[in-house]
Amino acid sequence: MLLAACAPGGDGGDPTPDDPSSTAQPLGPAEYADRLLAETQVVRDAEGLPRLEQSDCATEAALSRATALVGAPLEHAPLDDVVTACRPAGGTAAENLSRAAAAPEAVVDAWMASHGHRANLLDPALTSVGVVCVADTSEGAGGVVCAQVFLG
């Protein structure tokens, strides 16, 4: 599994989940994205942070980013285009990426174990999000590449 974070001051490390084979049955990309979002909300709830609002603009940006990464190395593109297109109130955007065949919960656990990913998930200035996953057969059955784009 590969994971990447892009955030102001983030470390961009690539953690791996403890059990990358923990998905008993492969999820479709849309269900996988829904579960990533649900798990993200759980960690924010646990920290007493407001829930993230879903953003159509962030979702479009996440779709573009995830699609571009199918079969390619996980690499971040600058977020300037996202800030320009989505015009978040605080002028900030951040991103978490993953490529995995692991359960969504394992991905969020791995993100929480990484400074840069954790910072994105728990940043109170980030108030909206778009999460998209697309099939990526380079990871085998059930493999997906996902982009989680935050705005604030």
Protein backbone atom coordinates (compact mmCIF):
# COMPACT_ATOMS: atom_id res chain seq x y z
CA MET A 1 0.00 0.00 0.00
CA LEU A 2 1.19 3.47 -0.76
CA LEU A 3 -0.11 6.58 0.98
CA ALA A 4 0.83 10.20 0.54
CA ALA A 5 -0.13 13.48 2.18
CA CYS A 6 0.21 16.96 0.86
CA ALA A 7 -0.36 19.76 3.33
CA PRO A 8 1.21 22.99 4.40
CA GLY A 9 4.05 21.79 6.63
CA GLY A 10 3.12 18.09 6.22
CA ASP A 11 5.77 15.36 6.16
CA GLY A 12 4.39 13.49 3.14
CA GLY A 13 5.56 10.14 4.58
CA ASP A 14 4.28 6.85 3.21
CA PRO A 15 2.88 4.75 6.07
CA THR A 16 1.48 1.29 5.53
CA PRO A 17 -1.42 -0.26 7.43
CA ASP A 18 -0.81 -3.08 9.89
CA ASP A 19 -2.96 -5.50 7.90
CA PRO A 20 -3.05 -4.68 4.19
CA SER A 21 -5.10 -7.81 3.46
CA SER A 22 -7.89 -6.96 5.89
CA THR A 23 -10.57 -6.42 3.23
CA ALA A 24 -12.57 -9.66 3.21
CA GLN A 25 -14.43 -8.79 0.03
CA PRO A 26 -13.37 -6.05 -2.40
CA LEU A 27 -15.47 -2.90 -2.28
CA GLY A 28 -16.45 -0.90 -5.31
CA PRO A 29 -14.59 2.41 -5.65
CA ALA A 30 -17.62 4.54 -4.66
CA GLU A 31 -18.32 2.47 -1.54
CA TYR A 32 -14.62 2.54 -0.67
CA ALA A 33 -14.60 6.35 -0.90
CA ASP A 34 -17.76 6.55 1.24
CA ARG A 35 -16.09 4.43 3.91
CA LEU A 36 -12.91 6.53 3.82
CA LEU A 37 -15.04 9.60 4.40
CA ALA A 38 -17.00 7.91 7.20
CA GLU A 39 -13.77 6.87 8.94
CA THR A 40 -12.39 10.39 8.52
CA GLN A 41 -15.50 11.76 10.24
CA VAL A 42 -15.05 9.22 13.07
CA VAL A 43 -11.52 10.43 13.82
CA ARG A 44 -12.65 14.06 13.71
CA ASP A 45 -15.57 13.26 16.02
CA ALA A 46 -13.18 11.57 18.46
CA GLU A 47 -11.08 14.75 18.58
CA GLY A 48 -14.13 16.99 19.09
CA LEU A 49 -13.72 18.61 15.67
CA PRO A 50 -16.58 19.67 13.40
CA ARG A 51 -17.54 17.23 10.69
CA LEU A 52 -16.30 17.98 7.21
CA GLU A 53 -18.89 19.16 4.70
CA GLN A 54 -18.86 17.47 1.32
CA SER A 55 -17.78 19.81 -1.46
CA ASP A 56 -18.66 19.26 -5.11
CA CYS A 57 -15.59 21.25 -6.16
CA ALA A 58 -13.25 19.24 -3.91
CA THR A 59 -14.87 16.04 -5.21
CA GLU A 60 -14.18 17.09 -8.82
CA ALA A 61 -10.57 17.84 -7.88
CA ALA A 62 -10.26 14.47 -6.12
CA LEU A 63 -11.65 12.67 -9.19
CA SER A 64 -9.12 14.39 -11.45
CA ARG A 65 -6.24 13.58 -9.10
CA ALA A 66 -7.23 9.93 -8.51
CA THR A 67 -7.78 9.27 -12.21
CA ALA A 68 -4.39 10.73 -13.11
CA LEU A 69 -2.66 8.40 -10.63
CA VAL A 70 -4.05 5.08 -11.91
CA GLY A 71 -1.04 2.94 -12.78
CA ALA A 72 1.36 5.77 -11.93
CA PRO A 73 3.42 6.49 -8.82
CA LEU A 74 1.61 8.39 -6.07
CA GLU A 75 2.83 11.94 -6.53
CA HIS A 76 1.26 15.18 -5.49
CA ALA A 77 0.51 17.94 -7.92
CA PRO A 78 0.45 21.51 -6.67
CA LEU A 79 -2.85 22.48 -5.06
CA ASP A 80 -2.90 25.98 -6.55
CA ASP A 81 -5.39 24.89 -9.23
CA VAL A 82 -7.72 23.53 -6.54
CA VAL A 83 -7.58 26.76 -4.55
CA THR A 84 -8.24 28.78 -7.72
CA ALA A 85 -11.14 26.59 -8.85
CA CYS A 86 -12.79 26.03 -5.46
CA ARG A 87 -12.04 29.37 -3.78
CA PRO A 88 -12.13 28.10 -0.17
CA ALA A 89 -12.82 30.84 2.37
CA GLY A 90 -9.42 30.44 4.04
CA GLY A 91 -7.54 29.96 0.77
CA THR A 92 -6.21 26.57 1.84
CA ALA A 93 -6.28 23.10 0.29
CA ALA A 94 -4.67 19.84 1.40
CA GLU A 95 -4.64 16.29 0.11
CA ASN A 96 -4.25 12.70 1.26
CA LEU A 97 -3.65 9.98 -1.31
CA SER A 98 -3.70 6.21 -1.08
CA ARG A 99 -3.30 3.19 -3.28
CA ALA A 100 -4.43 0.01 -1.62
CA ALA A 101 -6.33 -3.21 -1.52
CA ALA A 102 -6.64 -2.79 2.29
CA ALA A 103 -9.81 -1.98 4.18
CA PRO A 104 -10.65 1.75 4.30
CA GLU A 105 -10.34 1.64 8.10
CA ALA A 106 -6.75 0.41 7.73
CA VAL A 107 -5.98 3.30 5.38
CA VAL A 108 -7.33 5.89 7.83
CA ASP A 109 -5.43 4.18 10.68
CA ALA A 110 -2.24 4.45 8.60
CA TRP A 111 -2.99 8.10 7.84
CA MET A 112 -3.45 8.74 11.56
CA ALA A 113 -0.02 7.20 12.22
CA SER A 114 1.64 9.66 9.82
CA HIS A 115 2.27 13.26 10.84
CA GLY A 116 1.28 14.86 7.52
CA HIS A 117 -1.83 12.75 6.99
CA ARG A 118 -2.93 13.18 10.59
CA ALA A 119 -2.47 16.95 10.29
CA ASN A 120 -4.82 17.02 7.31
CA LEU A 121 -7.44 14.81 8.97
CA LEU A 122 -7.47 16.85 12.18
CA ASP A 123 -6.88 20.39 10.92
CA PRO A 124 -9.81 22.48 12.21
CA ALA A 125 -9.18 25.05 9.45
CA LEU A 126 -10.07 22.41 6.84
CA THR A 127 -13.85 22.41 6.74
CA SER A 128 -14.87 20.59 3.56
CA VAL A 129 -13.72 17.58 1.60
CA GLY A 130 -14.13 15.52 -1.53
CA VAL A 131 -13.14 11.86 -1.59
CA VAL A 132 -12.93 9.79 -4.77
CA CYS A 133 -11.52 6.33 -5.41
CA VAL A 134 -11.03 4.72 -8.80
CA ALA A 135 -10.17 1.13 -9.66
CA ASP A 136 -6.45 0.41 -9.98
CA THR A 137 -5.72 -3.14 -11.05
CA SER A 138 -2.00 -2.68 -10.35
CA GLU A 139 -2.96 -3.50 -6.74
CA GLY A 140 -4.85 -6.66 -7.66
CA ALA A 141 -8.53 -7.40 -7.09
CA GLY A 142 -10.18 -4.63 -5.14
CA GLY A 143 -7.23 -2.27 -5.59
CA VAL A 144 -8.07 1.41 -5.68
CA VAL A 145 -6.30 4.71 -5.85
CA CYS A 146 -7.99 7.39 -3.77
CA ALA A 147 -7.69 11.14 -3.41
CA GLN A 148 -9.05 13.02 -0.43
CA VAL A 149 -9.02 16.78 -1.12
CA PHE A 150 -9.65 19.15 1.78
CA LEU A 151 -10.62 22.83 1.59
CA GLY A 152 -10.48 25.46 4.29
